[in-house]
Amino acid sequence: GGVLKDVIQTSDQKIVAVGYKYSPQTIGGNNLGRAFAVKFDINNPSQPIWTLEYDKLTLANAFTCLVELQNGDVLAGGGLDTMQVNNLNTNTFVRLTKISPNGTVSWNRNYDYKINAPTSDNILGLQSINLTNDGSWIGAIECVNFPSPNPFFFVKFDSTGCDSTLAYCQSQVVSGVYQ
């Protein structure tokens, strides 16, 4: 089983869907899962053009939203659980994954917006991603920080996936090499 979270029709008249797929493996009685994406023709949905099962099995890995970019790539957003695979507190990063029209992952970016104590659960999720007029993307993020209130905020990412408000996306020079 699994959960379908978002679906779009691409410019080539195909369908791309994302969500998370359950596994029979469990932690604490809860099924583990991993993010998935699938592209198919609406006239032949039983024969996918490509499928992508991404990540290790954990409690909270998922793609939750997607958008087609102007070049035909698909940008999938969601969450990446970095700790539950080790049966530790949940620590989920916001994720953006760029997928080429043939189903190959071009790049993956993870963002940590955690604001609560290091030993507290932190569940982040990109709930929506949309294109902006300048070629950037804007995302709506839910941040479930126990026991604090759950903030909901927006982030604008540039066309390379950098959130310019975060230090790790700013230019760095290491041994004369631009990163």
N, C-alpha and C. Protein backbone atom coordinates (compact mmCIF):
# COMPACT_ATOMS: atom_id res chain seq x y z
N GLY A 1 0.81 -1.18 0.00
CA GLY A 1 0.00 0.00 0.00
C GLY A 1 0.85 1.24 0.00
N GLY A 2 0.19 2.33 0.07
CA GLY A 2 0.86 3.61 0.09
C GLY A 2 -0.14 4.75 0.06
N VAL A 3 0.38 5.95 -0.12
CA VAL A 3 -0.45 7.15 -0.14
C VAL A 3 -0.03 8.01 -1.32
N LEU A 4 -0.99 8.38 -2.15
CA LEU A 4 -0.76 9.30 -3.25
C LEU A 4 -0.98 10.71 -2.72
N LYS A 5 0.02 11.59 -2.90
CA LYS A 5 -0.08 12.94 -2.34
C LYS A 5 -0.32 14.03 -3.39
N ASP A 6 0.18 13.85 -4.62
CA ASP A 6 -0.01 14.89 -5.62
C ASP A 6 0.11 14.26 -7.01
N VAL A 7 -0.53 14.89 -7.99
CA VAL A 7 -0.50 14.42 -9.37
C VAL A 7 -0.58 15.63 -10.29
N ILE A 8 0.18 15.59 -11.40
CA ILE A 8 0.13 16.65 -12.40
C ILE A 8 0.13 16.04 -13.79
N GLN A 9 -0.33 16.81 -14.76
CA GLN A 9 -0.16 16.44 -16.16
C GLN A 9 0.99 17.29 -16.70
N THR A 10 1.97 16.64 -17.32
CA THR A 10 3.15 17.33 -17.83
C THR A 10 2.89 17.85 -19.24
N SER A 11 3.80 18.67 -19.74
CA SER A 11 3.62 19.28 -21.06
C SER A 11 3.61 18.25 -22.19
N ASP A 12 4.16 17.05 -21.95
CA ASP A 12 4.10 15.99 -22.96
C ASP A 12 2.82 15.16 -22.84
N GLN A 13 1.86 15.67 -22.10
CA GLN A 13 0.54 15.04 -21.92
C GLN A 13 0.58 13.73 -21.13
N LYS A 14 1.64 13.52 -20.34
CA LYS A 14 1.74 12.36 -19.47
C LYS A 14 1.36 12.78 -18.06
N ILE A 15 1.24 11.80 -17.17
CA ILE A 15 0.87 12.05 -15.78
C ILE A 15 2.05 11.69 -14.88
N VAL A 16 2.36 12.54 -13.90
CA VAL A 16 3.35 12.23 -12.87
C VAL A 16 2.64 12.31 -11.53
N ALA A 17 2.83 11.28 -10.72
CA ALA A 17 2.24 11.22 -9.38
C ALA A 17 3.33 10.94 -8.37
N VAL A 18 3.15 11.48 -7.14
CA VAL A 18 4.12 11.25 -6.06
C VAL A 18 3.39 10.91 -4.77
N GLY A 19 4.13 10.33 -3.84
CA GLY A 19 3.60 10.00 -2.53
C GLY A 19 4.60 9.19 -1.74
N TYR A 20 4.08 8.24 -0.94
CA TYR A 20 4.97 7.33 -0.23
C TYR A 20 4.39 5.94 -0.26
N LYS A 21 5.29 4.96 -0.28
CA LYS A 21 4.93 3.57 -0.42
C LYS A 21 5.28 2.83 0.87
N TYR A 22 4.31 2.06 1.39
CA TYR A 22 4.52 1.31 2.62
C TYR A 22 5.31 0.04 2.39
N SER A 23 6.00 -0.38 3.44
CA SER A 23 6.73 -1.64 3.46
C SER A 23 6.17 -2.49 4.60
N PRO A 24 6.30 -3.81 4.54
CA PRO A 24 5.86 -4.65 5.66
C PRO A 24 6.74 -4.48 6.91
N GLN A 25 7.95 -3.93 6.75
CA GLN A 25 8.83 -3.71 7.90
C GLN A 25 8.25 -2.61 8.78
N THR A 26 8.43 -2.74 10.11
CA THR A 26 7.85 -1.79 11.05
C THR A 26 8.87 -1.33 12.08
N ILE A 27 8.58 -0.18 12.68
CA ILE A 27 9.23 0.31 13.91
C ILE A 27 8.09 0.69 14.84
N GLY A 28 8.08 0.11 16.03
CA GLY A 28 7.04 0.44 17.01
C GLY A 28 5.64 0.16 16.52
N GLY A 29 5.48 -0.82 15.65
CA GLY A 29 4.16 -1.17 15.13
C GLY A 29 3.72 -0.34 13.93
N ASN A 30 4.53 0.63 13.51
CA ASN A 30 4.20 1.48 12.36
C ASN A 30 4.99 1.02 11.15
N ASN A 31 4.32 0.93 10.00
CA ASN A 31 5.00 0.51 8.78
C ASN A 31 6.02 1.54 8.33
N LEU A 32 7.15 1.06 7.87
CA LEU A 32 8.14 1.93 7.26
C LEU A 32 7.73 2.20 5.82
N GLY A 33 8.29 3.25 5.24
CA GLY A 33 7.96 3.58 3.87
C GLY A 33 9.07 4.36 3.21
N ARG A 34 8.87 4.63 1.93
CA ARG A 34 9.83 5.44 1.18
C ARG A 34 9.07 6.25 0.14
N ALA A 35 9.70 7.33 -0.28
CA ALA A 35 9.10 8.20 -1.29
C ALA A 35 9.02 7.48 -2.64
N PHE A 36 7.98 7.81 -3.41
CA PHE A 36 7.90 7.28 -4.77
C PHE A 36 7.41 8.36 -5.72
N ALA A 37 7.80 8.19 -6.98
CA ALA A 37 7.28 9.01 -8.08
C ALA A 37 7.07 8.06 -9.25
N VAL A 38 6.05 8.33 -10.04
CA VAL A 38 5.75 7.50 -11.20
C VAL A 38 5.25 8.38 -12.33
N LYS A 39 5.69 8.07 -13.56
CA LYS A 39 5.19 8.77 -14.74
C LYS A 39 4.53 7.74 -15.64
N PHE A 40 3.33 8.09 -16.14
CA PHE A 40 2.60 7.13 -16.97
C PHE A 40 1.72 7.87 -17.96
N ASP A 41 1.25 7.14 -18.94
CA ASP A 41 0.30 7.63 -19.92
C ASP A 41 -1.09 7.30 -19.40
N ILE A 42 -1.99 8.25 -19.37
CA ILE A 42 -3.33 8.04 -18.84
C ILE A 42 -4.07 6.94 -19.60
N ASN A 43 -3.70 6.71 -20.86
CA ASN A 43 -4.34 5.67 -21.66
C ASN A 43 -3.76 4.28 -21.41
N ASN A 44 -2.67 4.20 -20.66
CA ASN A 44 -2.04 2.92 -20.35
C ASN A 44 -1.38 2.99 -18.97
N PRO A 45 -2.15 3.24 -17.92
CA PRO A 45 -1.56 3.46 -16.59
C PRO A 45 -0.88 2.23 -15.98
N SER A 46 -1.20 1.04 -16.46
CA SER A 46 -0.59 -0.16 -15.89
C SER A 46 0.84 -0.39 -16.38
N GLN A 47 1.29 0.39 -17.36
CA GLN A 47 2.65 0.28 -17.89
C GLN A 47 3.38 1.62 -17.69
N PRO A 48 3.94 1.86 -16.51
CA PRO A 48 4.60 3.15 -16.24
C PRO A 48 5.74 3.44 -17.21
N ILE A 49 5.90 4.70 -17.54
CA ILE A 49 7.02 5.15 -18.35
C ILE A 49 8.30 5.04 -17.51
N TRP A 50 8.20 5.45 -16.26
CA TRP A 50 9.26 5.24 -15.27
C TRP A 50 8.67 5.27 -13.87
N THR A 51 9.36 4.63 -12.95
CA THR A 51 9.01 4.69 -11.53
C THR A 51 10.28 4.96 -10.75
N LEU A 52 10.11 5.62 -9.63
CA LEU A 52 11.23 5.95 -8.77
C LEU A 52 10.82 5.67 -7.33
N GLU A 53 11.48 4.72 -6.70
CA GLU A 53 11.34 4.50 -5.26
C GLU A 53 12.62 5.02 -4.66
N TYR A 54 12.49 6.00 -3.78
CA TYR A 54 13.64 6.77 -3.35
C TYR A 54 13.82 6.63 -1.85
N ASP A 55 15.05 6.67 -1.36
CA ASP A 55 15.39 6.69 0.06
C ASP A 55 15.44 5.32 0.70
N LYS A 56 15.94 5.33 1.93
CA LYS A 56 15.88 4.15 2.79
C LYS A 56 14.49 4.08 3.40
N LEU A 57 14.14 2.91 3.90
CA LEU A 57 12.86 2.76 4.60
C LEU A 57 12.92 3.47 5.95
N THR A 58 11.95 4.36 6.22
CA THR A 58 11.80 5.02 7.52
C THR A 58 10.32 5.31 7.72
N LEU A 59 10.01 5.99 8.81
CA LEU A 59 8.62 6.31 9.11
C LEU A 59 8.10 7.51 8.32
N ALA A 60 8.97 8.40 7.88
CA ALA A 60 8.46 9.67 7.37
C ALA A 60 9.02 10.11 6.02
N ASN A 61 9.62 9.24 5.23
CA ASN A 61 10.11 9.65 3.91
C ASN A 61 8.95 9.73 2.93
N ALA A 62 8.83 10.86 2.25
CA ALA A 62 7.71 11.01 1.32
C ALA A 62 7.97 12.15 0.34
N PHE A 63 7.42 12.00 -0.85
CA PHE A 63 7.21 13.13 -1.75
C PHE A 63 5.77 13.55 -1.53
N THR A 64 5.53 14.85 -1.35
CA THR A 64 4.18 15.33 -1.05
C THR A 64 3.64 16.30 -2.08
N CYS A 65 4.50 16.82 -2.95
CA CYS A 65 4.04 17.80 -3.94
C CYS A 65 5.01 17.81 -5.11
N LEU A 66 4.54 18.31 -6.25
CA LEU A 66 5.41 18.39 -7.41
C LEU A 66 4.92 19.46 -8.37
N VAL A 67 5.86 19.88 -9.23
CA VAL A 67 5.57 20.87 -10.26
C VAL A 67 6.50 20.59 -11.43
N GLU A 68 6.02 20.85 -12.64
CA GLU A 68 6.89 20.70 -13.81
C GLU A 68 7.61 22.02 -14.05
N LEU A 69 8.92 21.93 -14.29
CA LEU A 69 9.72 23.10 -14.60
C LEU A 69 9.65 23.38 -16.09
N GLN A 70 10.07 24.57 -16.50
CA GLN A 70 9.95 24.97 -17.90
C GLN A 70 10.73 24.08 -18.86
N ASN A 71 11.79 23.43 -18.39
CA ASN A 71 12.60 22.56 -19.26
C ASN A 71 12.09 21.12 -19.31
N GLY A 72 10.96 20.83 -18.65
CA GLY A 72 10.38 19.49 -18.65
C GLY A 72 10.77 18.63 -17.47
N ASP A 73 11.76 19.09 -16.67
CA ASP A 73 12.08 18.39 -15.44
C ASP A 73 10.91 18.52 -14.47
N VAL A 74 10.83 17.61 -13.52
CA VAL A 74 9.82 17.67 -12.47
C VAL A 74 10.54 17.93 -11.15
N LEU A 75 10.00 18.84 -10.37
CA LEU A 75 10.53 19.13 -9.04
C LEU A 75 9.56 18.53 -8.03
N ALA A 76 10.05 17.54 -7.27
CA ALA A 76 9.23 16.90 -6.24
C ALA A 76 9.70 17.39 -4.87
N GLY A 77 8.75 17.74 -4.03
CA GLY A 77 9.06 18.19 -2.68
C GLY A 77 8.47 17.25 -1.66
N GLY A 78 8.96 17.35 -0.44
CA GLY A 78 8.44 16.48 0.62
C GLY A 78 9.27 16.56 1.86
N GLY A 79 9.46 15.39 2.49
CA GLY A 79 10.22 15.30 3.72
C GLY A 79 11.15 14.09 3.69
N LEU A 80 12.27 14.19 4.38
CA LEU A 80 13.25 13.12 4.47
C LEU A 80 13.56 12.88 5.94
N ASP A 81 13.18 11.72 6.45
CA ASP A 81 13.41 11.35 7.85
C ASP A 81 14.83 10.84 7.99
N THR A 82 15.63 11.53 8.80
CA THR A 82 17.04 11.16 8.94
C THR A 82 17.32 10.30 10.17
N MET A 83 16.36 10.13 11.07
CA MET A 83 16.65 9.45 12.32
C MET A 83 15.85 8.17 12.57
N GLN A 84 14.62 8.06 12.10
CA GLN A 84 13.80 6.91 12.45
C GLN A 84 14.36 5.60 11.96
N VAL A 85 15.18 5.63 10.93
CA VAL A 85 15.79 4.39 10.47
C VAL A 85 16.66 3.80 11.57
N ASN A 86 17.12 4.63 12.49
CA ASN A 86 17.93 4.19 13.62
C ASN A 86 17.11 4.10 14.91
N ASN A 87 15.78 4.21 14.81
CA ASN A 87 14.87 4.17 15.95
C ASN A 87 15.17 5.27 16.97
N LEU A 88 15.51 6.45 16.47
CA LEU A 88 15.75 7.62 17.32
C LEU A 88 14.62 8.61 17.10
N ASN A 89 14.69 9.76 17.76
CA ASN A 89 13.67 10.79 17.56
C ASN A 89 13.55 11.12 16.08
N THR A 90 12.34 11.44 15.67
CA THR A 90 12.12 11.83 14.28
C THR A 90 12.80 13.17 14.03
N ASN A 91 13.58 13.25 12.97
CA ASN A 91 14.21 14.49 12.55
C ASN A 91 14.08 14.55 11.03
N THR A 92 13.07 15.25 10.56
CA THR A 92 12.76 15.28 9.14
C THR A 92 13.23 16.58 8.51
N PHE A 93 13.93 16.46 7.41
CA PHE A 93 14.33 17.62 6.62
C PHE A 93 13.28 17.87 5.54
N VAL A 94 13.15 19.12 5.13
CA VAL A 94 12.40 19.45 3.92
C VAL A 94 13.28 19.04 2.76
N ARG A 95 12.69 18.47 1.72
CA ARG A 95 13.48 18.00 0.59
C ARG A 95 12.93 18.54 -0.72
N LEU A 96 13.83 18.78 -1.65
CA LEU A 96 13.51 19.06 -3.05
C LEU A 96 14.32 18.09 -3.89
N THR A 97 13.67 17.42 -4.81
CA THR A 97 14.34 16.47 -5.69
C THR A 97 13.97 16.81 -7.13
N LYS A 98 14.98 17.04 -7.95
CA LYS A 98 14.77 17.37 -9.35
C LYS A 98 14.92 16.09 -10.17
N ILE A 99 13.86 15.77 -10.94
CA ILE A 99 13.80 14.53 -11.71
C ILE A 99 13.69 14.89 -13.20
N SER A 100 14.56 14.29 -14.01
CA SER A 100 14.55 14.56 -15.45
C SER A 100 13.33 13.91 -16.09
N PRO A 101 12.99 14.30 -17.32
CA PRO A 101 11.83 13.71 -18.00
C PRO A 101 11.90 12.19 -18.17
N ASN A 102 13.13 11.61 -18.11
CA ASN A 102 13.25 10.15 -18.23
C ASN A 102 13.30 9.43 -16.88
N GLY A 103 13.10 10.17 -15.78
CA GLY A 103 13.01 9.55 -14.46
C GLY A 103 14.31 9.48 -13.68
N THR A 104 15.35 10.13 -14.16
CA THR A 104 16.63 10.14 -13.46
C THR A 104 16.67 11.32 -12.48
N VAL A 105 17.14 11.08 -11.27
CA VAL A 105 17.29 12.16 -10.29
C VAL A 105 18.49 13.00 -10.69
N SER A 106 18.24 14.29 -10.97
CA SER A 106 19.30 15.22 -11.33
C SER A 106 20.03 15.72 -10.10
N TRP A 107 19.26 16.06 -9.07
CA TRP A 107 19.83 16.45 -7.79
C TRP A 107 18.79 16.37 -6.69
N ASN A 108 19.28 16.35 -5.47
CA ASN A 108 18.43 16.31 -4.28
C ASN A 108 18.98 17.32 -3.28
N ARG A 109 18.13 18.15 -2.71
CA ARG A 109 18.53 19.12 -1.69
C ARG A 109 17.69 18.90 -0.45
N ASN A 110 18.32 19.01 0.71
CA ASN A 110 17.63 18.86 2.00
C ASN A 110 17.85 20.12 2.83
N TYR A 111 16.81 20.54 3.53
CA TYR A 111 16.83 21.79 4.30
C TYR A 111 16.36 21.49 5.71
N ASP A 112 17.11 21.98 6.70
CA ASP A 112 16.77 21.74 8.10
C ASP A 112 16.26 23.04 8.72
N TYR A 113 14.97 23.11 8.97
CA TYR A 113 14.36 24.29 9.59
C TYR A 113 14.00 24.02 11.05
N LYS A 114 14.65 23.04 11.69
CA LYS A 114 14.35 22.67 13.07
C LYS A 114 14.59 23.85 14.00
N ILE A 115 13.61 24.10 14.90
CA ILE A 115 13.75 25.20 15.85
C ILE A 115 13.60 24.74 17.30
N ASN A 116 13.31 23.46 17.53
CA ASN A 116 13.13 23.00 18.90
C ASN A 116 14.38 22.26 19.39
N ALA A 117 14.32 21.71 20.59
CA ALA A 117 15.47 21.07 21.23
C ALA A 117 15.98 19.89 20.40
N PRO A 118 17.29 19.65 20.43
CA PRO A 118 17.87 18.55 19.65
C PRO A 118 17.28 17.18 19.98
N THR A 119 16.80 16.99 21.19
CA THR A 119 16.24 15.69 21.58
C THR A 119 14.74 15.58 21.34
N SER A 120 14.15 16.62 20.75
CA SER A 120 12.71 16.61 20.48
C SER A 120 12.43 16.19 19.05
N ASP A 121 11.25 15.58 18.84
CA ASP A 121 10.83 15.24 17.49
C ASP A 121 10.70 16.50 16.65
N ASN A 122 11.04 16.39 15.40
CA ASN A 122 10.95 17.49 14.46
C ASN A 122 10.45 16.94 13.14
N ILE A 123 9.26 17.31 12.74
CA ILE A 123 8.69 16.78 11.51
C ILE A 123 8.43 17.95 10.57
N LEU A 124 9.21 18.02 9.50
CA LEU A 124 9.07 19.08 8.51
C LEU A 124 8.49 18.49 7.23
N GLY A 125 7.71 19.26 6.54
CA GLY A 125 7.18 18.77 5.27
C GLY A 125 6.84 19.90 4.33
N LEU A 126 7.29 19.77 3.10
CA LEU A 126 6.92 20.71 2.05
C LEU A 126 5.54 20.31 1.56
N GLN A 127 4.56 21.16 1.76
CA GLN A 127 3.17 20.83 1.44
C GLN A 127 2.76 21.28 0.05
N SER A 128 3.48 22.26 -0.51
CA SER A 128 3.13 22.78 -1.83
C SER A 128 4.37 23.44 -2.43
N ILE A 129 4.54 23.31 -3.73
CA ILE A 129 5.64 23.98 -4.43
C ILE A 129 5.08 24.54 -5.74
N ASN A 130 5.40 25.80 -6.01
CA ASN A 130 4.90 26.46 -7.22
C ASN A 130 5.99 27.31 -7.85
N LEU A 131 5.88 27.51 -9.15
CA LEU A 131 6.82 28.35 -9.88
C LEU A 131 6.49 29.81 -9.66
N THR A 132 7.52 30.66 -9.70
CA THR A 132 7.33 32.10 -9.62
C THR A 132 7.69 32.71 -10.99
N ASN A 133 7.33 33.95 -11.20
CA ASN A 133 7.57 34.61 -12.49
C ASN A 133 9.04 34.75 -12.85
N ASP A 134 9.92 34.78 -11.84
CA ASP A 134 11.34 34.97 -12.10
C ASP A 134 12.12 33.66 -12.23
N GLY A 135 11.43 32.53 -12.35
CA GLY A 135 12.10 31.24 -12.51
C GLY A 135 12.46 30.55 -11.21
N SER A 136 12.11 31.16 -10.10
CA SER A 136 12.34 30.55 -8.79
C SER A 136 11.13 29.70 -8.41
N TRP A 137 11.14 29.18 -7.19
CA TRP A 137 10.03 28.37 -6.69
C TRP A 137 9.66 28.85 -5.30
N ILE A 138 8.39 28.77 -4.97
CA ILE A 138 7.95 29.11 -3.62
C ILE A 138 7.30 27.87 -3.02
N GLY A 139 7.68 27.57 -1.79
CA GLY A 139 7.17 26.39 -1.12
C GLY A 139 6.47 26.74 0.19
N ALA A 140 5.40 26.01 0.47
CA ALA A 140 4.70 26.14 1.74
C ALA A 140 5.14 24.97 2.62
N ILE A 141 5.66 25.28 3.80
CA ILE A 141 6.26 24.28 4.68
C ILE A 141 5.52 24.23 6.00
N GLU A 142 5.20 23.02 6.43
CA GLU A 142 4.64 22.79 7.76
C GLU A 142 5.76 22.24 8.63
N CYS A 143 5.87 22.77 9.83
CA CYS A 143 6.93 22.36 10.76
C CYS A 143 6.27 21.92 12.06
N VAL A 144 6.25 20.61 12.32
CA VAL A 144 5.63 20.08 13.53
C VAL A 144 6.73 19.89 14.57
N ASN A 145 6.83 20.82 15.50
CA ASN A 145 7.85 20.79 16.55
C ASN A 145 7.19 20.55 17.90
N PHE A 146 7.34 19.37 18.43
CA PHE A 146 6.73 19.04 19.71
C PHE A 146 7.57 19.59 20.85
N PRO A 147 7.05 20.19 21.92
CA PRO A 147 5.64 20.46 22.15
C PRO A 147 5.23 21.86 21.70
N SER A 148 6.10 22.54 20.98
CA SER A 148 5.84 23.91 20.55
C SER A 148 4.70 23.98 19.54
N PRO A 149 4.17 25.19 19.30
CA PRO A 149 3.17 25.34 18.23
C PRO A 149 3.78 24.94 16.89
N ASN A 150 2.94 24.61 15.95
CA ASN A 150 3.38 24.15 14.65
C ASN A 150 3.37 25.30 13.64
N PRO A 151 4.52 25.90 13.40
CA PRO A 151 4.53 27.01 12.44
C PRO A 151 4.34 26.52 11.01
N PHE A 152 3.75 27.37 10.21
CA PHE A 152 3.57 27.14 8.78
C PHE A 152 4.18 28.35 8.11
N PHE A 153 5.10 28.15 7.19
CA PHE A 153 5.78 29.30 6.61
C PHE A 153 6.08 29.04 5.14
N PHE A 154 6.51 30.08 4.45
CA PHE A 154 6.81 30.01 3.04
C PHE A 154 8.29 30.28 2.82
N VAL A 155 8.87 29.61 1.85
CA VAL A 155 10.28 29.80 1.50
C VAL A 155 10.37 29.96 -0.01
N LYS A 156 11.15 30.93 -0.44
CA LYS A 156 11.42 31.08 -1.86
C LYS A 156 12.80 30.50 -2.16
N PHE A 157 12.83 29.55 -3.09
CA PHE A 157 14.06 28.91 -3.52
C PHE A 157 14.44 29.46 -4.89
N ASP A 158 15.74 29.68 -5.12
CA ASP A 158 16.12 30.11 -6.46
C ASP A 158 16.12 28.91 -7.41
N SER A 159 16.44 29.13 -8.67
CA SER A 159 16.34 28.08 -9.68
C SER A 159 17.34 26.95 -9.50
N THR A 160 18.31 27.11 -8.58
CA THR A 160 19.25 26.03 -8.28
C THR A 160 18.85 25.26 -7.02
N GLY A 161 17.78 25.70 -6.36
CA GLY A 161 17.33 25.03 -5.15
C GLY A 161 17.84 25.65 -3.88
N CYS A 162 18.52 26.77 -3.96
CA CYS A 162 19.03 27.41 -2.75
C CYS A 162 18.01 28.34 -2.13
N ASP A 163 17.86 28.21 -0.82
CA ASP A 163 17.09 29.15 -0.02
C ASP A 163 18.10 30.20 0.42
N SER A 164 18.04 31.37 -0.16
CA SER A 164 19.07 32.39 0.07
C SER A 164 19.11 32.89 1.51
N THR A 165 18.13 32.52 2.33
CA THR A 165 18.15 32.95 3.72
C THR A 165 18.98 32.02 4.59
N LEU A 166 19.43 30.90 4.06
CA LEU A 166 20.18 29.93 4.84
C LEU A 166 21.67 30.01 4.55
N ALA A 167 22.47 29.91 5.60
CA ALA A 167 23.91 30.02 5.46
C ALA A 167 24.49 28.94 4.56
N TYR A 168 23.92 27.73 4.57
CA TYR A 168 24.53 26.66 3.78
C TYR A 168 24.30 26.80 2.29
N CYS A 169 23.50 27.74 1.85
CA CYS A 169 23.34 27.98 0.42
C CYS A 169 24.12 29.21 -0.04
N GLN A 170 24.78 29.89 0.88
CA GLN A 170 25.55 31.05 0.49
C GLN A 170 26.87 30.60 -0.10
N SER A 171 27.46 31.46 -0.91
CA SER A 171 28.74 31.12 -1.53
C SER A 171 29.81 30.91 -0.48
N GLN A 172 30.59 29.85 -0.68
CA GLN A 172 31.72 29.57 0.20
C GLN A 172 32.95 29.35 -0.66
N VAL A 173 34.09 29.77 -0.15
CA VAL A 173 35.35 29.51 -0.85
C VAL A 173 36.17 28.60 0.05
N VAL A 174 36.50 27.40 -0.46
CA VAL A 174 37.30 26.44 0.28
C VAL A 174 38.51 26.11 -0.59
N SER A 175 39.69 26.43 -0.12
CA SER A 175 40.93 26.17 -0.87
C SER A 175 40.84 26.75 -2.28
N GLY A 176 40.24 27.92 -2.41
CA GLY A 176 40.15 28.58 -3.70
C GLY A 176 39.13 27.99 -4.66
N VAL A 177 38.31 27.04 -4.20
CA VAL A 177 37.32 26.41 -5.05
C VAL A 177 35.94 26.93 -4.68
N TYR A 178 35.21 27.46 -5.65
CA TYR A 178 33.85 27.93 -5.42
C TYR A 178 32.93 26.76 -5.27
N GLN A 179 32.11 26.75 -4.20
CA GLN A 179 31.14 25.68 -4.00
C GLN A 179 29.75 26.24 -4.16
